[in-house]
Amino acid sequence: REKDVDRLGEIPTEDFLTIAEKFHLNLTEEESKQLTTKYDFKSAGKFAYCDFLQSCVLLLKQETSPQQRTVIQNPQIQKTFGSQTPTFFNAMMRIQPQILHCWRPMRRTFKTYDVNGNGLLSIQDFRQVLRRYSINLSEEEFFHILEYYDIALTSKISYNEFLRAFLQ
């Protein structure tokens, strides 16, 4: 983030390679080329570190036994999501430990608020459940999460999609 002076979620590719070397990632030349090509979305010599970190950290599978872990079913229709802004990414990273700690009872609570049984909650109900589990987001963080999960501006949030981001 220190190298991202414009706060766009990307840094010069050379800065990423320097950071990777500093942290002893021991990437081969081929691996470095693959990563920098994969995360240079605009082909402008920039490395999208937010997307890279999300794929490395946020989506890591939690080490649990199959008996401990309940799988949230994938939706039949593939959802589209909004953009992953740095604020969205930072908020998700900040609340990840809390979500992983209480996702089962939180999901049950989401279901009790879901009167239609369609997996969607109003924005107010969604925020109320988060607060009930001490997931306190600033207005800006909450806006960016809504912007990501409610791209169609329906004022409804899929709580399964929200939780799935932490459990995959």
N, C-alpha and C. Protein backbone atom coordinates (compact mmCIF):
# COMPACT_ATOMS: atom_id res chain seq x y z
N ARG A 1 0.82 -1.20 0.00
CA ARG A 1 0.00 0.00 0.00
C ARG A 1 0.86 1.25 0.00
N GLU A 2 2.03 1.19 0.62
CA GLU A 2 2.89 2.36 0.64
C GLU A 2 3.33 2.74 -0.76
N LYS A 3 3.51 1.77 -1.62
CA LYS A 3 3.94 2.02 -3.01
C LYS A 3 2.78 2.49 -3.88
N ASP A 4 1.56 2.31 -3.43
CA ASP A 4 0.37 2.67 -4.19
C ASP A 4 -0.06 4.08 -3.80
N VAL A 5 0.66 5.07 -4.28
CA VAL A 5 0.42 6.45 -3.88
C VAL A 5 -0.93 6.98 -4.35
N ASP A 6 -1.43 6.47 -5.48
CA ASP A 6 -2.73 6.91 -5.99
C ASP A 6 -3.90 6.12 -5.41
N ARG A 7 -3.61 5.10 -4.60
CA ARG A 7 -4.63 4.25 -3.97
C ARG A 7 -5.57 3.62 -5.01
N LEU A 8 -4.98 3.08 -6.07
CA LEU A 8 -5.76 2.44 -7.13
C LEU A 8 -5.72 0.92 -7.04
N GLY A 9 -4.99 0.40 -6.05
CA GLY A 9 -4.92 -1.05 -5.91
C GLY A 9 -3.88 -1.69 -6.80
N GLU A 10 -2.98 -0.86 -7.35
CA GLU A 10 -1.94 -1.39 -8.21
C GLU A 10 -0.64 -0.62 -8.00
N ILE A 11 0.46 -1.32 -8.23
CA ILE A 11 1.79 -0.73 -8.08
C ILE A 11 2.62 -1.10 -9.32
N PRO A 12 3.70 -0.39 -9.56
CA PRO A 12 4.55 -0.78 -10.69
C PRO A 12 5.03 -2.23 -10.51
N THR A 13 5.09 -2.93 -11.61
CA THR A 13 5.49 -4.34 -11.60
C THR A 13 6.85 -4.52 -10.93
N GLU A 14 7.78 -3.63 -11.21
CA GLU A 14 9.12 -3.72 -10.61
C GLU A 14 9.05 -3.63 -9.09
N ASP A 15 8.15 -2.81 -8.56
CA ASP A 15 7.99 -2.71 -7.10
C ASP A 15 7.50 -4.03 -6.52
N PHE A 16 6.55 -4.67 -7.22
CA PHE A 16 6.08 -5.98 -6.74
C PHE A 16 7.23 -6.98 -6.72
N LEU A 17 8.03 -7.03 -7.77
CA LEU A 17 9.13 -7.99 -7.83
C LEU A 17 10.15 -7.72 -6.72
N THR A 18 10.38 -6.46 -6.42
CA THR A 18 11.28 -6.10 -5.32
C THR A 18 10.72 -6.57 -3.98
N ILE A 19 9.42 -6.36 -3.78
CA ILE A 19 8.77 -6.80 -2.54
C ILE A 19 8.80 -8.32 -2.43
N ALA A 20 8.53 -9.00 -3.53
CA ALA A 20 8.57 -10.47 -3.54
C ALA A 20 9.96 -10.97 -3.16
N GLU A 21 10.96 -10.32 -3.67
CA GLU A 21 12.34 -10.71 -3.34
C GLU A 21 12.66 -10.41 -1.87
N LYS A 22 12.19 -9.27 -1.39
CA LYS A 22 12.42 -8.88 0.00
C LYS A 22 11.85 -9.90 0.97
N PHE A 23 10.69 -10.47 0.63
CA PHE A 23 10.04 -11.45 1.49
C PHE A 23 10.39 -12.89 1.13
N HIS A 24 11.43 -13.04 0.35
CA HIS A 24 11.99 -14.36 0.01
C HIS A 24 10.95 -15.30 -0.58
N LEU A 25 10.17 -14.81 -1.55
CA LEU A 25 9.19 -15.67 -2.20
C LEU A 25 9.86 -16.65 -3.16
N ASN A 26 11.12 -16.38 -3.51
CA ASN A 26 11.91 -17.27 -4.36
C ASN A 26 11.15 -17.68 -5.62
N LEU A 27 10.65 -16.71 -6.33
CA LEU A 27 9.95 -16.97 -7.58
C LEU A 27 10.95 -17.18 -8.70
N THR A 28 10.68 -18.17 -9.53
CA THR A 28 11.53 -18.35 -10.70
C THR A 28 11.21 -17.23 -11.68
N GLU A 29 12.05 -17.08 -12.69
CA GLU A 29 11.81 -16.05 -13.69
C GLU A 29 10.48 -16.30 -14.40
N GLU A 30 10.17 -17.56 -14.67
CA GLU A 30 8.92 -17.92 -15.33
C GLU A 30 7.72 -17.61 -14.43
N GLU A 31 7.81 -17.93 -13.13
CA GLU A 31 6.72 -17.64 -12.20
C GLU A 31 6.49 -16.14 -12.08
N SER A 32 7.59 -15.38 -12.01
CA SER A 32 7.48 -13.92 -11.93
C SER A 32 6.78 -13.38 -13.16
N LYS A 33 7.14 -13.88 -14.32
CA LYS A 33 6.53 -13.42 -15.57
C LYS A 33 5.05 -13.77 -15.61
N GLN A 34 4.71 -15.00 -15.18
CA GLN A 34 3.30 -15.41 -15.17
C GLN A 34 2.47 -14.53 -14.25
N LEU A 35 2.99 -14.29 -13.04
CA LEU A 35 2.26 -13.46 -12.08
C LEU A 35 2.09 -12.03 -12.57
N THR A 36 3.18 -11.46 -13.04
CA THR A 36 3.08 -10.05 -13.47
C THR A 36 2.18 -9.91 -14.70
N THR A 37 2.15 -10.91 -15.55
CA THR A 37 1.25 -10.87 -16.71
C THR A 37 -0.20 -11.04 -16.26
N LYS A 38 -0.43 -12.01 -15.36
CA LYS A 38 -1.79 -12.29 -14.89
C LYS A 38 -2.42 -11.10 -14.18
N TYR A 39 -1.63 -10.38 -13.38
CA TYR A 39 -2.17 -9.29 -12.57
C TYR A 39 -1.89 -7.90 -13.15
N ASP A 40 -1.47 -7.83 -14.40
CA ASP A 40 -1.34 -6.55 -15.09
C ASP A 40 -2.54 -6.44 -16.02
N PHE A 41 -3.71 -6.10 -15.46
CA PHE A 41 -4.97 -6.13 -16.18
C PHE A 41 -5.03 -5.16 -17.35
N LYS A 42 -4.35 -4.04 -17.22
CA LYS A 42 -4.44 -3.01 -18.26
C LYS A 42 -3.22 -3.03 -19.18
N SER A 43 -2.33 -4.00 -18.98
CA SER A 43 -1.09 -4.09 -19.76
C SER A 43 -0.34 -2.75 -19.72
N ALA A 44 -0.25 -2.19 -18.52
CA ALA A 44 0.38 -0.88 -18.36
C ALA A 44 1.60 -0.95 -17.45
N GLY A 45 2.11 -2.17 -17.21
CA GLY A 45 3.27 -2.29 -16.33
C GLY A 45 2.93 -2.12 -14.86
N LYS A 46 1.65 -2.29 -14.52
CA LYS A 46 1.18 -2.17 -13.14
C LYS A 46 0.74 -3.54 -12.64
N PHE A 47 0.94 -3.78 -11.35
CA PHE A 47 0.59 -5.06 -10.73
C PHE A 47 -0.58 -4.83 -9.78
N ALA A 48 -1.71 -5.51 -10.01
CA ALA A 48 -2.92 -5.35 -9.20
C ALA A 48 -2.76 -6.15 -7.90
N TYR A 49 -2.14 -5.52 -6.92
CA TYR A 49 -1.81 -6.25 -5.69
C TYR A 49 -3.04 -6.62 -4.87
N CYS A 50 -4.11 -5.83 -4.92
CA CYS A 50 -5.32 -6.20 -4.17
C CYS A 50 -5.89 -7.52 -4.66
N ASP A 51 -5.95 -7.68 -5.97
CA ASP A 51 -6.47 -8.93 -6.53
C ASP A 51 -5.52 -10.09 -6.22
N PHE A 52 -4.23 -9.83 -6.30
CA PHE A 52 -3.24 -10.86 -5.98
C PHE A 52 -3.37 -11.30 -4.52
N LEU A 53 -3.44 -10.34 -3.61
CA LEU A 53 -3.55 -10.68 -2.19
C LEU A 53 -4.86 -11.40 -1.88
N GLN A 54 -5.92 -10.99 -2.55
CA GLN A 54 -7.19 -11.68 -2.30
C GLN A 54 -7.10 -13.14 -2.70
N SER A 55 -6.51 -13.40 -3.84
CA SER A 55 -6.42 -14.79 -4.27
C SER A 55 -5.48 -15.59 -3.37
N CYS A 56 -4.53 -14.93 -2.74
CA CYS A 56 -3.59 -15.62 -1.85
C CYS A 56 -4.10 -15.76 -0.42
N VAL A 57 -4.82 -14.77 0.08
CA VAL A 57 -5.19 -14.75 1.49
C VAL A 57 -6.68 -14.95 1.73
N LEU A 58 -7.49 -14.12 1.12
CA LEU A 58 -8.92 -14.14 1.42
C LEU A 58 -9.58 -15.45 1.04
N LEU A 59 -9.15 -16.06 -0.03
CA LEU A 59 -9.79 -17.27 -0.50
C LEU A 59 -9.09 -18.55 -0.06
N LEU A 60 -8.14 -18.43 0.86
CA LEU A 60 -7.50 -19.64 1.36
C LEU A 60 -8.53 -20.49 2.08
N LYS A 61 -8.46 -21.77 1.84
CA LYS A 61 -9.38 -22.66 2.55
C LYS A 61 -8.90 -22.84 3.97
N GLN A 62 -9.84 -22.80 4.87
CA GLN A 62 -9.53 -22.98 6.27
C GLN A 62 -9.27 -24.47 6.51
N GLU A 63 -8.24 -24.76 7.28
CA GLU A 63 -7.88 -26.14 7.58
C GLU A 63 -8.86 -26.72 8.60
N THR A 64 -9.84 -27.47 8.11
CA THR A 64 -10.80 -28.11 9.00
C THR A 64 -11.11 -29.48 8.44
N SER A 65 -11.66 -30.32 9.28
CA SER A 65 -12.03 -31.64 8.81
C SER A 65 -13.35 -31.56 8.07
N PRO A 66 -13.64 -32.52 7.19
CA PRO A 66 -14.90 -32.48 6.45
C PRO A 66 -16.13 -32.50 7.36
N GLN A 67 -16.01 -33.10 8.55
CA GLN A 67 -17.16 -33.15 9.45
C GLN A 67 -17.44 -31.79 10.08
N GLN A 68 -16.42 -30.96 10.22
CA GLN A 68 -16.58 -29.65 10.84
C GLN A 68 -17.20 -28.64 9.88
N ARG A 69 -16.96 -28.81 8.61
CA ARG A 69 -17.27 -27.76 7.67
C ARG A 69 -18.54 -28.05 6.88
N THR A 70 -19.46 -27.13 6.94
CA THR A 70 -20.67 -27.22 6.15
C THR A 70 -20.44 -26.44 4.87
N VAL A 71 -20.83 -27.02 3.76
CA VAL A 71 -20.63 -26.37 2.48
C VAL A 71 -21.87 -25.55 2.14
N ILE A 72 -21.65 -24.30 1.78
CA ILE A 72 -22.74 -23.47 1.30
C ILE A 72 -22.85 -23.75 -0.19
N GLN A 73 -24.01 -24.17 -0.62
CA GLN A 73 -24.22 -24.57 -2.01
C GLN A 73 -23.96 -23.41 -2.96
N ASN A 74 -23.37 -23.73 -4.12
CA ASN A 74 -23.18 -22.72 -5.15
C ASN A 74 -24.52 -22.37 -5.77
N PRO A 75 -24.72 -21.13 -6.13
CA PRO A 75 -25.99 -20.75 -6.74
C PRO A 75 -26.12 -21.38 -8.13
N GLN A 76 -27.37 -21.60 -8.55
CA GLN A 76 -27.62 -22.15 -9.88
C GLN A 76 -27.26 -21.14 -10.96
N ILE A 77 -27.52 -19.88 -10.70
CA ILE A 77 -27.22 -18.83 -11.66
C ILE A 77 -25.96 -18.11 -11.18
N GLN A 78 -24.99 -17.97 -12.08
CA GLN A 78 -23.73 -17.31 -11.71
C GLN A 78 -23.99 -15.82 -11.48
N LYS A 79 -23.62 -15.36 -10.32
CA LYS A 79 -23.80 -13.96 -9.96
C LYS A 79 -22.66 -13.13 -10.52
N THR A 80 -22.95 -11.87 -10.81
CA THR A 80 -21.90 -10.93 -11.16
C THR A 80 -21.76 -9.97 -10.00
N PHE A 81 -20.55 -9.54 -9.79
CA PHE A 81 -20.26 -8.67 -8.67
C PHE A 81 -19.63 -7.38 -9.15
N GLY A 82 -19.62 -6.39 -8.25
CA GLY A 82 -19.01 -5.11 -8.56
C GLY A 82 -17.51 -5.18 -8.47
N SER A 83 -16.89 -4.01 -8.51
CA SER A 83 -15.43 -3.97 -8.48
C SER A 83 -14.91 -4.09 -7.05
N GLN A 84 -13.74 -4.68 -6.95
CA GLN A 84 -13.09 -4.86 -5.66
C GLN A 84 -12.17 -3.67 -5.42
N THR A 85 -12.72 -2.66 -4.81
CA THR A 85 -11.93 -1.47 -4.52
C THR A 85 -10.99 -1.75 -3.35
N PRO A 86 -9.95 -0.95 -3.20
CA PRO A 86 -9.09 -1.14 -2.03
C PRO A 86 -9.84 -1.06 -0.71
N THR A 87 -10.83 -0.18 -0.62
CA THR A 87 -11.62 -0.06 0.61
C THR A 87 -12.41 -1.35 0.86
N PHE A 88 -13.01 -1.90 -0.20
CA PHE A 88 -13.72 -3.18 -0.08
C PHE A 88 -12.77 -4.27 0.40
N PHE A 89 -11.64 -4.37 -0.26
CA PHE A 89 -10.67 -5.41 0.07
C PHE A 89 -10.18 -5.27 1.51
N ASN A 90 -9.85 -4.06 1.93
CA ASN A 90 -9.36 -3.85 3.30
C ASN A 90 -10.44 -4.18 4.33
N ALA A 91 -11.68 -3.81 4.05
CA ALA A 91 -12.78 -4.12 4.97
C ALA A 91 -12.96 -5.63 5.09
N MET A 92 -12.94 -6.32 3.96
CA MET A 92 -13.11 -7.78 3.97
C MET A 92 -11.96 -8.45 4.74
N MET A 93 -10.76 -7.96 4.54
CA MET A 93 -9.61 -8.52 5.26
C MET A 93 -9.74 -8.26 6.76
N ARG A 94 -10.21 -7.08 7.12
CA ARG A 94 -10.31 -6.72 8.54
C ARG A 94 -11.36 -7.57 9.26
N ILE A 95 -12.47 -7.86 8.60
CA ILE A 95 -13.54 -8.60 9.27
C ILE A 95 -13.42 -10.12 9.10
N GLN A 96 -12.49 -10.56 8.28
CA GLN A 96 -12.34 -12.00 8.02
C GLN A 96 -12.22 -12.85 9.28
N PRO A 97 -11.35 -12.50 10.24
CA PRO A 97 -11.25 -13.36 11.44
C PRO A 97 -12.56 -13.46 12.21
N GLN A 98 -13.29 -12.35 12.32
CA GLN A 98 -14.57 -12.38 13.04
C GLN A 98 -15.59 -13.25 12.31
N ILE A 99 -15.64 -13.13 11.00
CA ILE A 99 -16.59 -13.92 10.21
C ILE A 99 -16.26 -15.40 10.33
N LEU A 100 -15.00 -15.76 10.20
CA LEU A 100 -14.61 -17.17 10.28
C LEU A 100 -14.93 -17.75 11.65
N HIS A 101 -14.89 -16.91 12.67
CA HIS A 101 -15.17 -17.37 14.03
C HIS A 101 -16.66 -17.65 14.24
N CYS A 102 -17.53 -16.88 13.61
CA CYS A 102 -18.96 -17.00 13.94
C CYS A 102 -19.85 -17.17 12.72
N TRP A 103 -19.33 -17.68 11.62
CA TRP A 103 -20.14 -17.73 10.39
C TRP A 103 -21.35 -18.65 10.50
N ARG A 104 -21.25 -19.74 11.24
CA ARG A 104 -22.40 -20.66 11.34
C ARG A 104 -23.59 -20.02 12.05
N PRO A 105 -23.40 -19.50 13.27
CA PRO A 105 -24.56 -18.85 13.91
C PRO A 105 -25.00 -17.60 13.14
N MET A 106 -24.06 -16.91 12.50
CA MET A 106 -24.42 -15.74 11.71
C MET A 106 -25.31 -16.16 10.54
N ARG A 107 -24.99 -17.25 9.90
CA ARG A 107 -25.80 -17.74 8.77
C ARG A 107 -27.20 -18.11 9.25
N ARG A 108 -27.28 -18.75 10.42
CA ARG A 108 -28.59 -19.08 10.97
C ARG A 108 -29.40 -17.81 11.23
N THR A 109 -28.74 -16.77 11.74
CA THR A 109 -29.42 -15.51 11.99
C THR A 109 -29.86 -14.86 10.68
N PHE A 110 -28.97 -14.90 9.67
CA PHE A 110 -29.36 -14.39 8.35
C PHE A 110 -30.64 -15.09 7.88
N LYS A 111 -30.68 -16.42 8.06
CA LYS A 111 -31.85 -17.19 7.60
C LYS A 111 -33.13 -16.78 8.33
N THR A 112 -33.02 -16.44 9.61
CA THR A 112 -34.23 -16.02 10.34
C THR A 112 -34.75 -14.68 9.82
N TYR A 113 -33.86 -13.82 9.34
CA TYR A 113 -34.26 -12.54 8.77
C TYR A 113 -34.78 -12.70 7.33
N ASP A 114 -34.43 -13.80 6.70
CA ASP A 114 -34.79 -14.07 5.30
C ASP A 114 -36.20 -14.66 5.24
N VAL A 115 -37.22 -13.79 5.35
CA VAL A 115 -38.60 -14.25 5.42
C VAL A 115 -39.07 -14.91 4.13
N ASN A 116 -38.51 -14.53 2.99
CA ASN A 116 -38.90 -15.12 1.71
C ASN A 116 -38.15 -16.42 1.41
N GLY A 117 -37.09 -16.69 2.15
CA GLY A 117 -36.31 -17.91 1.92
C GLY A 117 -35.56 -17.91 0.61
N ASN A 118 -35.26 -16.73 0.07
CA ASN A 118 -34.56 -16.65 -1.21
C ASN A 118 -33.07 -16.34 -1.10
N GLY A 119 -32.55 -16.28 0.13
CA GLY A 119 -31.12 -16.02 0.32
C GLY A 119 -30.75 -14.56 0.24
N LEU A 120 -31.74 -13.68 0.19
CA LEU A 120 -31.47 -12.24 0.10
C LEU A 120 -32.02 -11.51 1.31
N LEU A 121 -31.26 -10.52 1.75
CA LEU A 121 -31.70 -9.68 2.86
C LEU A 121 -31.71 -8.22 2.43
N SER A 122 -32.58 -7.45 3.07
CA SER A 122 -32.54 -6.01 2.84
C SER A 122 -31.23 -5.48 3.42
N ILE A 123 -30.85 -4.32 2.97
CA ILE A 123 -29.61 -3.71 3.45
C ILE A 123 -29.67 -3.49 4.96
N GLN A 124 -30.83 -3.06 5.45
CA GLN A 124 -30.98 -2.80 6.88
C GLN A 124 -30.83 -4.09 7.70
N ASP A 125 -31.48 -5.16 7.24
CA ASP A 125 -31.38 -6.44 7.95
C ASP A 125 -29.96 -6.99 7.90
N PHE A 126 -29.32 -6.86 6.75
CA PHE A 126 -27.95 -7.33 6.59
C PHE A 126 -27.03 -6.63 7.59
N ARG A 127 -27.15 -5.31 7.68
CA ARG A 127 -26.31 -4.54 8.60
C ARG A 127 -26.64 -4.88 10.06
N GLN A 128 -27.91 -5.09 10.35
CA GLN A 128 -28.33 -5.43 11.72
C GLN A 128 -27.70 -6.75 12.16
N VAL A 129 -27.68 -7.74 11.27
CA VAL A 129 -27.06 -9.03 11.62
C VAL A 129 -25.56 -8.86 11.82
N LEU A 130 -24.92 -8.09 10.95
CA LEU A 130 -23.48 -7.87 11.12
C LEU A 130 -23.19 -7.23 12.48
N ARG A 131 -23.97 -6.23 12.83
CA ARG A 131 -23.78 -5.55 14.13
C ARG A 131 -24.04 -6.49 15.30
N ARG A 132 -25.00 -7.38 15.13
CA ARG A 132 -25.32 -8.35 16.20
C ARG A 132 -24.10 -9.22 16.52
N TYR A 133 -23.26 -9.46 15.53
CA TYR A 133 -22.05 -10.26 15.72
C TYR A 133 -20.80 -9.38 15.83
N SER A 134 -20.99 -8.13 16.18
CA SER A 134 -19.92 -7.16 16.40
C SER A 134 -19.04 -6.97 15.17
N ILE A 135 -19.64 -7.07 14.00
CA ILE A 135 -18.95 -6.76 12.75
C ILE A 135 -19.32 -5.31 12.44
N ASN A 136 -18.50 -4.41 12.93
CA ASN A 136 -18.79 -2.99 12.79
C ASN A 136 -17.99 -2.41 11.63
N LEU A 137 -18.71 -1.91 10.66
CA LEU A 137 -18.11 -1.33 9.47
C LEU A 137 -18.39 0.16 9.43
N SER A 138 -17.42 0.91 8.94
CA SER A 138 -17.67 2.34 8.73
C SER A 138 -18.68 2.48 7.59
N GLU A 139 -19.24 3.66 7.48
CA GLU A 139 -20.20 3.92 6.40
C GLU A 139 -19.53 3.66 5.04
N GLU A 140 -18.29 4.10 4.90
CA GLU A 140 -17.58 3.92 3.63
C GLU A 140 -17.34 2.43 3.33
N GLU A 141 -16.90 1.68 4.34
CA GLU A 141 -16.68 0.25 4.15
C GLU A 141 -17.98 -0.46 3.77
N PHE A 142 -19.05 -0.13 4.48
CA PHE A 142 -20.34 -0.75 4.21
C PHE A 142 -20.80 -0.42 2.80
N PHE A 143 -20.62 0.83 2.39
CA PHE A 143 -20.99 1.23 1.03
C PHE A 143 -20.23 0.41 -0.01
N HIS A 144 -18.94 0.20 0.19
CA HIS A 144 -18.14 -0.55 -0.78
C HIS A 144 -18.54 -2.03 -0.82
N ILE A 145 -18.91 -2.57 0.32
CA ILE A 145 -19.39 -3.96 0.34
C ILE A 145 -20.72 -4.05 -0.40
N LEU A 146 -21.61 -3.09 -0.15
CA LEU A 146 -22.89 -3.06 -0.88
C LEU A 146 -22.65 -2.90 -2.38
N GLU A 147 -21.75 -2.02 -2.73
CA GLU A 147 -21.44 -1.77 -4.13
C GLU A 147 -20.95 -3.05 -4.83
N TYR A 148 -20.23 -3.88 -4.09
CA TYR A 148 -19.72 -5.13 -4.65
C TYR A 148 -20.82 -6.18 -4.77
N TYR A 149 -21.61 -6.38 -3.71
CA TYR A 149 -22.60 -7.45 -3.69
C TYR A 149 -23.96 -7.07 -4.28
N ASP A 150 -24.25 -5.80 -4.45
CA ASP A 150 -25.54 -5.38 -4.99
C ASP A 150 -25.31 -4.54 -6.24
N ILE A 151 -24.67 -5.13 -7.22
CA ILE A 151 -24.32 -4.40 -8.44
C ILE A 151 -25.56 -3.96 -9.21
N ALA A 152 -26.66 -4.72 -9.09
CA ALA A 152 -27.90 -4.38 -9.80
C ALA A 152 -28.73 -3.34 -9.04
N LEU A 153 -28.26 -2.90 -7.91
CA LEU A 153 -28.95 -1.88 -7.09
C LEU A 153 -30.37 -2.29 -6.72
N THR A 154 -30.50 -3.51 -6.23
CA THR A 154 -31.81 -4.03 -5.82
C THR A 154 -32.09 -3.77 -4.34
N SER A 155 -31.10 -3.26 -3.62
CA SER A 155 -31.17 -3.07 -2.16
C SER A 155 -31.33 -4.40 -1.44
N LYS A 156 -30.83 -5.46 -2.05
CA LYS A 156 -30.83 -6.81 -1.46
C LYS A 156 -29.41 -7.37 -1.54
N ILE A 157 -29.02 -8.08 -0.48
CA ILE A 157 -27.69 -8.68 -0.41
C ILE A 157 -27.85 -10.19 -0.25
N SER A 158 -27.09 -10.95 -1.04
CA SER A 158 -27.07 -12.40 -0.88
C SER A 158 -26.11 -12.73 0.26
N TYR A 159 -26.68 -13.16 1.38
CA TYR A 159 -25.82 -13.47 2.53
C TYR A 159 -24.96 -14.70 2.27
N ASN A 160 -25.45 -15.63 1.45
CA ASN A 160 -24.63 -16.80 1.11
C ASN A 160 -23.39 -16.40 0.31
N GLU A 161 -23.57 -15.49 -0.64
CA GLU A 161 -22.42 -15.02 -1.43
C GLU A 161 -21.43 -14.29 -0.52
N PHE A 162 -21.94 -13.49 0.38
CA PHE A 162 -21.09 -12.77 1.32
C PHE A 162 -20.26 -13.75 2.15
N LEU A 163 -20.91 -14.74 2.74
CA LEU A 163 -20.20 -15.72 3.57
C LEU A 163 -19.27 -16.59 2.74
N ARG A 164 -19.70 -16.93 1.53
CA ARG A 164 -18.89 -17.80 0.67
C ARG A 164 -17.52 -17.18 0.40
N ALA A 165 -17.45 -15.87 0.31
CA ALA A 165 -16.17 -15.20 0.05
C ALA A 165 -15.14 -15.52 1.13
N PHE A 166 -15.59 -15.79 2.33
CA PHE A 166 -14.68 -16.08 3.43
C PHE A 166 -14.41 -17.59 3.58
N LEU A 167 -15.27 -18.41 3.01
CA LEU A 167 -15.18 -19.85 3.26
C LEU A 167 -14.58 -20.64 2.10
N GLN A 168 -14.39 -20.03 0.95
CA GLN A 168 -13.84 -20.76 -0.19
C GLN A 168 -12.35 -20.89 -0.10
